[in-house]
N, C-alpha and C. Protein backbone atom coordinates (compact mmCIF):
# COMPACT_ATOMS: atom_id res chain seq x y z
N UNK A 1 -33.38 110.26 -30.49
CA UNK A 1 -32.25 109.38 -30.72
C UNK A 1 -31.44 109.22 -29.44
N UNK A 2 -31.15 110.31 -28.77
CA UNK A 2 -30.38 110.26 -27.54
C UNK A 2 -31.15 109.49 -26.46
N UNK A 3 -32.46 109.69 -26.43
CA UNK A 3 -33.30 109.00 -25.45
C UNK A 3 -33.24 107.49 -25.65
N UNK A 4 -33.28 107.04 -26.90
CA UNK A 4 -33.22 105.62 -27.22
C UNK A 4 -31.89 105.02 -26.76
N UNK A 5 -30.81 105.72 -27.00
CA UNK A 5 -29.48 105.22 -26.61
C UNK A 5 -29.36 105.11 -25.10
N UNK A 6 -29.82 106.14 -24.39
CA UNK A 6 -29.71 106.11 -22.93
C UNK A 6 -30.63 105.03 -22.34
N UNK A 7 -31.78 104.81 -22.97
CA UNK A 7 -32.69 103.76 -22.51
C UNK A 7 -32.06 102.38 -22.69
N UNK A 8 -31.41 102.17 -23.83
CA UNK A 8 -30.74 100.89 -24.09
C UNK A 8 -29.61 100.66 -23.09
N UNK A 9 -28.85 101.70 -22.83
CA UNK A 9 -27.74 101.59 -21.89
C UNK A 9 -28.27 101.29 -20.48
N UNK A 10 -29.33 101.98 -20.11
CA UNK A 10 -29.94 101.76 -18.79
C UNK A 10 -30.45 100.33 -18.66
N UNK A 11 -31.12 99.84 -19.68
CA UNK A 11 -31.63 98.46 -19.66
C UNK A 11 -30.48 97.46 -19.59
N UNK A 12 -29.43 97.72 -20.35
CA UNK A 12 -28.28 96.84 -20.33
C UNK A 12 -27.63 96.80 -18.95
N UNK A 13 -27.49 97.97 -18.34
CA UNK A 13 -26.90 98.04 -17.00
C UNK A 13 -27.78 97.32 -15.97
N UNK A 14 -29.09 97.48 -16.08
CA UNK A 14 -30.00 96.81 -15.15
C UNK A 14 -29.92 95.30 -15.32
N UNK A 15 -29.82 94.83 -16.57
CA UNK A 15 -29.68 93.40 -16.81
C UNK A 15 -28.39 92.86 -16.21
N UNK A 16 -27.31 93.61 -16.38
CA UNK A 16 -26.03 93.20 -15.82
C UNK A 16 -26.09 93.14 -14.29
N UNK A 17 -26.77 94.13 -13.70
CA UNK A 17 -26.91 94.15 -12.24
C UNK A 17 -27.73 92.95 -11.76
N UNK A 18 -28.80 92.63 -12.48
CA UNK A 18 -29.63 91.48 -12.11
C UNK A 18 -28.83 90.19 -12.19
N UNK A 19 -28.05 90.04 -13.27
CA UNK A 19 -27.23 88.84 -13.43
C UNK A 19 -26.18 88.75 -12.31
N UNK A 20 -25.56 89.87 -11.99
CA UNK A 20 -24.55 89.90 -10.93
C UNK A 20 -25.17 89.55 -9.58
N UNK A 21 -26.38 90.07 -9.33
CA UNK A 21 -27.08 89.79 -8.09
C UNK A 21 -27.44 88.31 -7.99
N UNK A 22 -27.95 87.73 -9.08
CA UNK A 22 -28.28 86.31 -9.08
C UNK A 22 -27.04 85.46 -8.84
N UNK A 23 -25.94 85.83 -9.47
CA UNK A 23 -24.70 85.09 -9.29
C UNK A 23 -24.21 85.18 -7.84
N UNK A 24 -24.32 86.36 -7.25
CA UNK A 24 -23.92 86.56 -5.85
C UNK A 24 -24.81 85.75 -4.91
N UNK A 25 -26.12 85.77 -5.17
CA UNK A 25 -27.05 85.00 -4.33
C UNK A 25 -26.75 83.51 -4.41
N UNK A 26 -26.47 83.02 -5.61
CA UNK A 26 -26.15 81.59 -5.78
C UNK A 26 -24.86 81.24 -5.05
N UNK A 27 -23.89 82.12 -5.15
CA UNK A 27 -22.63 81.89 -4.45
C UNK A 27 -22.84 81.85 -2.94
N UNK A 28 -23.65 82.75 -2.43
CA UNK A 28 -23.96 82.77 -1.01
C UNK A 28 -24.70 81.51 -0.58
N UNK A 29 -25.65 81.06 -1.40
CA UNK A 29 -26.36 79.81 -1.10
C UNK A 29 -25.39 78.64 -1.04
N UNK A 30 -24.48 78.58 -2.00
CA UNK A 30 -23.50 77.48 -2.02
C UNK A 30 -22.63 77.49 -0.77
N UNK A 31 -22.18 78.69 -0.36
CA UNK A 31 -21.36 78.78 0.85
C UNK A 31 -22.15 78.35 2.07
N UNK A 32 -23.40 78.80 2.17
CA UNK A 32 -24.23 78.45 3.32
C UNK A 32 -24.47 76.94 3.37
N UNK A 33 -24.75 76.33 2.22
CA UNK A 33 -24.97 74.88 2.17
C UNK A 33 -23.71 74.12 2.59
N UNK A 34 -22.56 74.64 2.22
CA UNK A 34 -21.30 74.01 2.61
C UNK A 34 -21.10 74.13 4.12
N UNK A 35 -21.42 75.27 4.68
CA UNK A 35 -21.22 75.50 6.11
C UNK A 35 -22.18 74.66 6.95
N UNK A 36 -23.44 74.58 6.55
CA UNK A 36 -24.43 73.89 7.37
C UNK A 36 -24.42 72.38 7.19
N UNK A 37 -23.65 71.89 6.22
CA UNK A 37 -23.57 70.45 5.99
C UNK A 37 -23.00 69.78 7.24
N UNK A 38 -23.59 68.69 7.66
CA UNK A 38 -23.13 68.03 8.88
C UNK A 38 -21.91 67.17 8.61
N UNK A 39 -21.14 67.01 9.64
CA UNK A 39 -19.95 66.17 9.57
C UNK A 39 -20.32 64.81 10.14
N UNK A 40 -20.40 63.82 9.28
CA UNK A 40 -20.84 62.49 9.69
C UNK A 40 -19.62 61.61 9.96
N UNK A 41 -19.65 60.96 11.11
CA UNK A 41 -18.57 60.05 11.47
C UNK A 41 -19.19 58.69 11.77
N UNK A 42 -18.76 57.66 11.06
CA UNK A 42 -19.30 56.32 11.27
C UNK A 42 -18.31 55.54 12.12
N UNK A 43 -18.82 55.00 13.21
CA UNK A 43 -17.98 54.25 14.13
C UNK A 43 -18.48 52.81 14.14
N UNK A 44 -17.57 51.89 13.99
CA UNK A 44 -17.95 50.48 14.00
C UNK A 44 -17.64 49.82 15.33
N UNK A 45 -18.35 48.75 15.60
CA UNK A 45 -18.13 47.96 16.80
C UNK A 45 -17.53 46.63 16.37
N UNK A 46 -16.44 46.28 17.00
CA UNK A 46 -15.77 45.02 16.68
C UNK A 46 -16.64 43.88 17.19
N UNK A 47 -16.78 42.84 16.35
CA UNK A 47 -17.61 41.70 16.72
C UNK A 47 -17.06 41.04 17.98
N UNK A 48 -17.97 40.63 18.83
CA UNK A 48 -17.56 39.94 20.05
C UNK A 48 -17.45 40.86 21.24
N UNK A 49 -17.07 42.10 21.04
CA UNK A 49 -16.92 43.03 22.15
C UNK A 49 -18.26 43.39 22.76
N UNK A 50 -19.31 43.44 21.94
CA UNK A 50 -20.61 43.84 22.44
C UNK A 50 -21.12 42.85 23.49
N UNK A 51 -20.93 41.58 23.24
CA UNK A 51 -21.39 40.56 24.19
C UNK A 51 -20.59 40.58 25.47
N UNK A 52 -19.31 40.90 25.38
CA UNK A 52 -18.44 40.89 26.56
C UNK A 52 -18.72 42.08 27.47
N UNK A 53 -18.82 43.28 26.91
CA UNK A 53 -18.88 44.49 27.71
C UNK A 53 -20.28 45.10 27.78
N UNK A 54 -21.12 44.80 26.85
CA UNK A 54 -22.43 45.43 26.81
C UNK A 54 -22.39 46.68 25.95
N UNK A 55 -23.52 46.98 25.36
CA UNK A 55 -23.60 48.11 24.42
C UNK A 55 -23.33 49.44 25.12
N UNK A 56 -23.78 49.59 26.37
CA UNK A 56 -23.59 50.84 27.09
C UNK A 56 -22.11 51.13 27.31
N UNK A 57 -21.38 50.11 27.68
CA UNK A 57 -19.93 50.26 27.95
C UNK A 57 -19.19 50.65 26.66
N UNK A 58 -19.54 50.02 25.56
CA UNK A 58 -18.91 50.33 24.28
C UNK A 58 -19.23 51.77 23.89
N UNK A 59 -20.48 52.18 24.10
CA UNK A 59 -20.87 53.55 23.79
C UNK A 59 -20.06 54.53 24.62
N UNK A 60 -19.89 54.26 25.90
CA UNK A 60 -19.10 55.12 26.77
C UNK A 60 -17.65 55.21 26.31
N UNK A 61 -17.09 54.11 25.89
CA UNK A 61 -15.71 54.09 25.37
C UNK A 61 -15.59 54.96 24.11
N UNK A 62 -16.56 54.83 23.23
CA UNK A 62 -16.52 55.60 21.98
C UNK A 62 -16.63 57.09 22.29
N UNK A 63 -17.53 57.47 23.20
CA UNK A 63 -17.71 58.87 23.53
C UNK A 63 -16.45 59.43 24.16
N UNK A 64 -15.84 58.72 25.10
CA UNK A 64 -14.62 59.21 25.75
C UNK A 64 -13.46 59.28 24.78
N UNK A 65 -13.44 58.34 23.84
CA UNK A 65 -12.39 58.31 22.83
C UNK A 65 -12.46 59.53 21.90
N UNK A 66 -13.70 59.91 21.52
CA UNK A 66 -13.89 60.99 20.55
C UNK A 66 -13.95 62.36 21.18
N UNK A 67 -14.29 62.42 22.47
CA UNK A 67 -14.41 63.72 23.12
C UNK A 67 -13.52 63.73 24.32
């Protein structure tokens, strides 16, 4: 009788540990996915400027503006 009770308790504790571990792993995955997500910035070119200055010049302006 005592053996059965201790076995049940042990199994219950192991199940709880497995669930806790899975939850921790999922939480870690979520944090990692959030950290590695890229920061996308969309920059537009005003119509008409490309023909006047050339694409290279506009690119240089955008780079100097952002960095």
